[in-house]
N, C-alpha and C. Protein backbone atom coordinates (compact mmCIF):
# COMPACT_ATOMS: atom_id res chain seq x y z
N MET A 1 27.62 -46.40 12.82
CA MET A 1 26.24 -46.39 12.44
C MET A 1 25.88 -45.52 11.31
N GLN A 2 25.11 -45.90 10.36
CA GLN A 2 24.69 -45.14 9.25
C GLN A 2 23.28 -44.77 9.43
N ALA A 3 23.00 -43.48 8.90
CA ALA A 3 21.60 -42.83 9.02
C ALA A 3 20.77 -43.66 8.01
N ALA A 4 19.48 -43.77 8.36
CA ALA A 4 18.61 -44.36 7.37
C ALA A 4 18.41 -43.41 6.20
N PRO A 5 18.34 -44.02 5.07
CA PRO A 5 18.15 -43.23 3.80
C PRO A 5 16.90 -42.39 3.96
N VAL A 6 17.05 -41.18 3.31
CA VAL A 6 15.85 -40.24 3.39
C VAL A 6 15.10 -40.31 1.95
N ARG A 7 13.83 -40.51 1.96
CA ARG A 7 13.03 -40.39 0.80
C ARG A 7 12.40 -39.15 0.71
N ALA A 8 12.68 -38.56 -0.34
CA ALA A 8 12.07 -37.40 -0.68
C ALA A 8 10.82 -37.35 -1.57
N THR A 9 9.66 -37.10 -0.99
CA THR A 9 8.40 -37.24 -1.84
C THR A 9 8.06 -35.72 -2.04
N ALA A 10 7.84 -35.28 -3.23
CA ALA A 10 7.36 -33.99 -3.42
C ALA A 10 5.96 -33.74 -2.89
N ILE A 11 5.71 -32.65 -2.25
CA ILE A 11 4.31 -32.30 -1.82
C ILE A 11 3.69 -31.60 -2.95
N PRO A 12 2.43 -32.15 -3.32
CA PRO A 12 1.85 -31.45 -4.66
C PRO A 12 1.49 -30.11 -4.42
N SER A 13 1.66 -29.26 -5.37
CA SER A 13 1.27 -27.84 -5.23
C SER A 13 -0.24 -27.76 -5.00
N PHE A 14 -0.73 -26.49 -4.66
CA PHE A 14 -2.05 -26.39 -4.37
C PHE A 14 -2.83 -26.45 -5.72
N THR A 15 -2.22 -25.95 -6.72
CA THR A 15 -2.96 -26.13 -8.10
C THR A 15 -3.06 -27.61 -8.52
N THR A 16 -2.00 -28.49 -8.20
CA THR A 16 -2.15 -29.90 -8.52
C THR A 16 -3.24 -30.55 -7.75
N ALA A 17 -3.25 -30.10 -6.44
CA ALA A 17 -4.32 -30.78 -5.62
C ALA A 17 -5.72 -30.38 -6.04
N LEU A 18 -5.94 -29.06 -6.38
CA LEU A 18 -7.12 -28.74 -6.91
C LEU A 18 -7.54 -29.48 -8.31
N ARG A 19 -6.72 -29.71 -9.16
CA ARG A 19 -6.89 -30.20 -10.39
C ARG A 19 -7.27 -31.71 -10.06
N ALA A 20 -6.51 -32.35 -9.10
CA ALA A 20 -7.04 -33.77 -8.87
C ALA A 20 -8.45 -33.86 -8.31
N VAL A 21 -8.81 -33.06 -7.36
CA VAL A 21 -10.13 -32.94 -6.85
C VAL A 21 -11.15 -32.50 -8.02
N GLU A 22 -10.85 -31.73 -8.84
CA GLU A 22 -11.57 -31.34 -9.97
C GLU A 22 -11.91 -32.47 -10.95
N SER A 23 -10.72 -33.34 -11.25
CA SER A 23 -11.01 -34.52 -12.05
C SER A 23 -11.94 -35.44 -11.48
N LEU A 24 -11.94 -35.58 -10.11
CA LEU A 24 -12.84 -36.54 -9.34
C LEU A 24 -14.39 -36.05 -9.52
N LEU A 25 -14.52 -34.72 -9.49
CA LEU A 25 -15.85 -34.23 -9.24
C LEU A 25 -16.48 -33.83 -10.61
N MET A 26 -15.83 -33.61 -11.72
CA MET A 26 -16.31 -33.03 -12.98
C MET A 26 -15.86 -33.99 -14.14
N SER A 27 -16.78 -34.00 -15.08
CA SER A 27 -16.53 -34.68 -16.28
C SER A 27 -15.53 -33.97 -16.94
N SER A 28 -14.77 -34.49 -17.98
CA SER A 28 -13.87 -33.85 -18.71
C SER A 28 -14.28 -32.55 -19.55
N GLY A 29 -15.61 -32.62 -20.03
CA GLY A 29 -16.16 -31.51 -20.79
C GLY A 29 -16.29 -30.32 -19.85
N GLN A 30 -16.67 -30.59 -18.56
CA GLN A 30 -16.88 -29.49 -17.64
C GLN A 30 -15.46 -28.85 -17.27
N ARG A 31 -14.54 -29.80 -17.08
CA ARG A 31 -13.15 -29.31 -16.82
C ARG A 31 -12.50 -28.48 -17.94
N THR A 32 -12.80 -28.84 -19.28
CA THR A 32 -12.38 -28.05 -20.32
C THR A 32 -13.02 -26.69 -20.29
N ALA A 33 -14.30 -26.65 -20.14
CA ALA A 33 -15.18 -25.52 -20.19
C ALA A 33 -14.69 -24.50 -19.05
N ARG A 34 -14.33 -25.04 -17.87
CA ARG A 34 -13.96 -24.26 -16.86
C ARG A 34 -12.60 -23.58 -17.14
N ARG A 35 -11.61 -24.35 -17.57
CA ARG A 35 -10.33 -23.81 -17.81
C ARG A 35 -10.49 -22.81 -19.10
N ASN A 36 -11.28 -23.14 -20.09
CA ASN A 36 -11.41 -22.11 -21.15
C ASN A 36 -11.97 -20.80 -20.55
N ALA A 37 -12.92 -20.95 -19.63
CA ALA A 37 -13.36 -19.64 -18.99
C ALA A 37 -12.46 -18.95 -18.28
N TRP A 38 -11.62 -19.58 -17.54
CA TRP A 38 -10.51 -19.06 -16.75
C TRP A 38 -9.47 -18.35 -17.66
N THR A 39 -9.08 -19.03 -18.75
CA THR A 39 -8.25 -18.46 -19.73
C THR A 39 -8.78 -17.06 -20.26
N SER A 40 -10.00 -17.24 -20.59
CA SER A 40 -10.79 -15.94 -21.07
C SER A 40 -10.68 -14.78 -20.08
N VAL A 41 -10.92 -15.10 -18.72
CA VAL A 41 -10.78 -14.19 -17.76
C VAL A 41 -9.47 -13.52 -17.63
N LEU A 42 -8.49 -14.50 -17.73
CA LEU A 42 -7.02 -13.89 -17.68
C LEU A 42 -6.77 -12.97 -18.83
N GLU A 43 -7.24 -13.34 -20.00
CA GLU A 43 -6.91 -12.57 -21.23
C GLU A 43 -7.69 -11.33 -21.13
N ASP A 44 -8.78 -11.19 -20.64
CA ASP A 44 -9.71 -9.98 -20.39
C ASP A 44 -8.93 -9.07 -19.54
N ARG A 45 -8.30 -9.70 -18.47
CA ARG A 45 -7.63 -8.76 -17.57
C ARG A 45 -6.38 -8.14 -18.20
N ARG A 46 -5.83 -9.02 -19.09
CA ARG A 46 -4.62 -8.55 -19.74
C ARG A 46 -4.84 -7.40 -20.78
N ARG A 47 -5.97 -7.62 -21.42
CA ARG A 47 -6.46 -6.50 -22.33
C ARG A 47 -6.84 -5.18 -21.70
N ALA A 48 -7.54 -5.38 -20.44
CA ALA A 48 -7.92 -4.26 -19.72
C ALA A 48 -6.64 -3.41 -19.14
N LYS A 49 -5.66 -4.25 -18.81
CA LYS A 49 -4.41 -3.48 -18.25
C LYS A 49 -3.69 -2.86 -19.52
N ASP A 50 -3.79 -3.41 -20.66
CA ASP A 50 -3.22 -2.76 -21.80
C ASP A 50 -4.02 -1.45 -22.26
N ARG A 51 -5.25 -1.64 -22.07
CA ARG A 51 -6.17 -0.40 -22.34
C ARG A 51 -5.71 0.73 -21.44
N VAL A 52 -5.61 0.38 -20.12
CA VAL A 52 -5.30 1.45 -18.98
C VAL A 52 -3.92 2.02 -19.45
N GLU A 53 -2.92 1.22 -19.79
CA GLU A 53 -1.78 1.71 -20.08
C GLU A 53 -1.69 2.60 -21.44
N ALA A 54 -2.41 2.15 -22.40
CA ALA A 54 -2.45 2.97 -23.66
C ALA A 54 -3.26 4.27 -23.24
N GLN A 55 -4.36 4.36 -22.43
CA GLN A 55 -4.90 5.58 -22.04
C GLN A 55 -3.98 6.39 -21.30
N ARG A 56 -3.09 5.99 -20.55
CA ARG A 56 -2.16 6.78 -19.73
C ARG A 56 -1.23 7.47 -20.74
N VAL A 57 -0.74 6.58 -21.67
CA VAL A 57 0.28 7.23 -22.60
C VAL A 57 -0.47 8.20 -23.41
N LEU A 58 -1.62 8.06 -23.87
CA LEU A 58 -2.35 9.13 -24.67
C LEU A 58 -2.55 10.32 -23.82
N ASP A 59 -2.97 10.21 -22.60
CA ASP A 59 -3.14 11.37 -21.79
C ASP A 59 -1.85 12.15 -21.65
N GLN A 60 -0.85 11.46 -21.40
CA GLN A 60 0.49 12.00 -21.03
C GLN A 60 0.97 12.81 -22.37
N SER A 61 0.69 12.20 -23.56
CA SER A 61 1.06 12.98 -24.81
C SER A 61 0.21 14.04 -25.06
N VAL A 62 -0.99 14.13 -24.63
CA VAL A 62 -1.91 15.27 -24.83
C VAL A 62 -1.51 16.38 -23.87
N SER A 63 -1.12 16.04 -22.70
CA SER A 63 -0.75 17.11 -21.77
C SER A 63 0.64 17.77 -22.16
N LEU A 64 1.52 16.92 -22.72
CA LEU A 64 2.78 17.43 -23.05
C LEU A 64 2.71 18.34 -24.42
N SER A 65 1.69 18.01 -25.28
CA SER A 65 1.48 18.79 -26.30
C SER A 65 0.67 20.14 -26.05
N ALA A 66 -0.03 20.03 -24.99
CA ALA A 66 -0.92 21.29 -24.48
C ALA A 66 0.04 22.24 -24.05
N ARG A 67 1.14 21.82 -23.40
CA ARG A 67 2.19 22.64 -22.90
C ARG A 67 3.03 23.44 -23.90
N SER A 68 3.11 22.86 -24.94
CA SER A 68 4.10 23.40 -25.91
C SER A 68 3.53 24.63 -26.84
């Protein structure tokens, strides 16, 4: 007796599901604007992280030079 063949169907990721719903609810211009806004948010977060790191390095170098 042979086992029945197994069909593997990929379950869509959460992001894929959200994009599908988004495409149903929004026009393409709104989708583009939303994605551009999110990209800007991510870029702002990256720049903020870089600023914090640069400030930490500067503070460290000042404290080292003050000790010398």
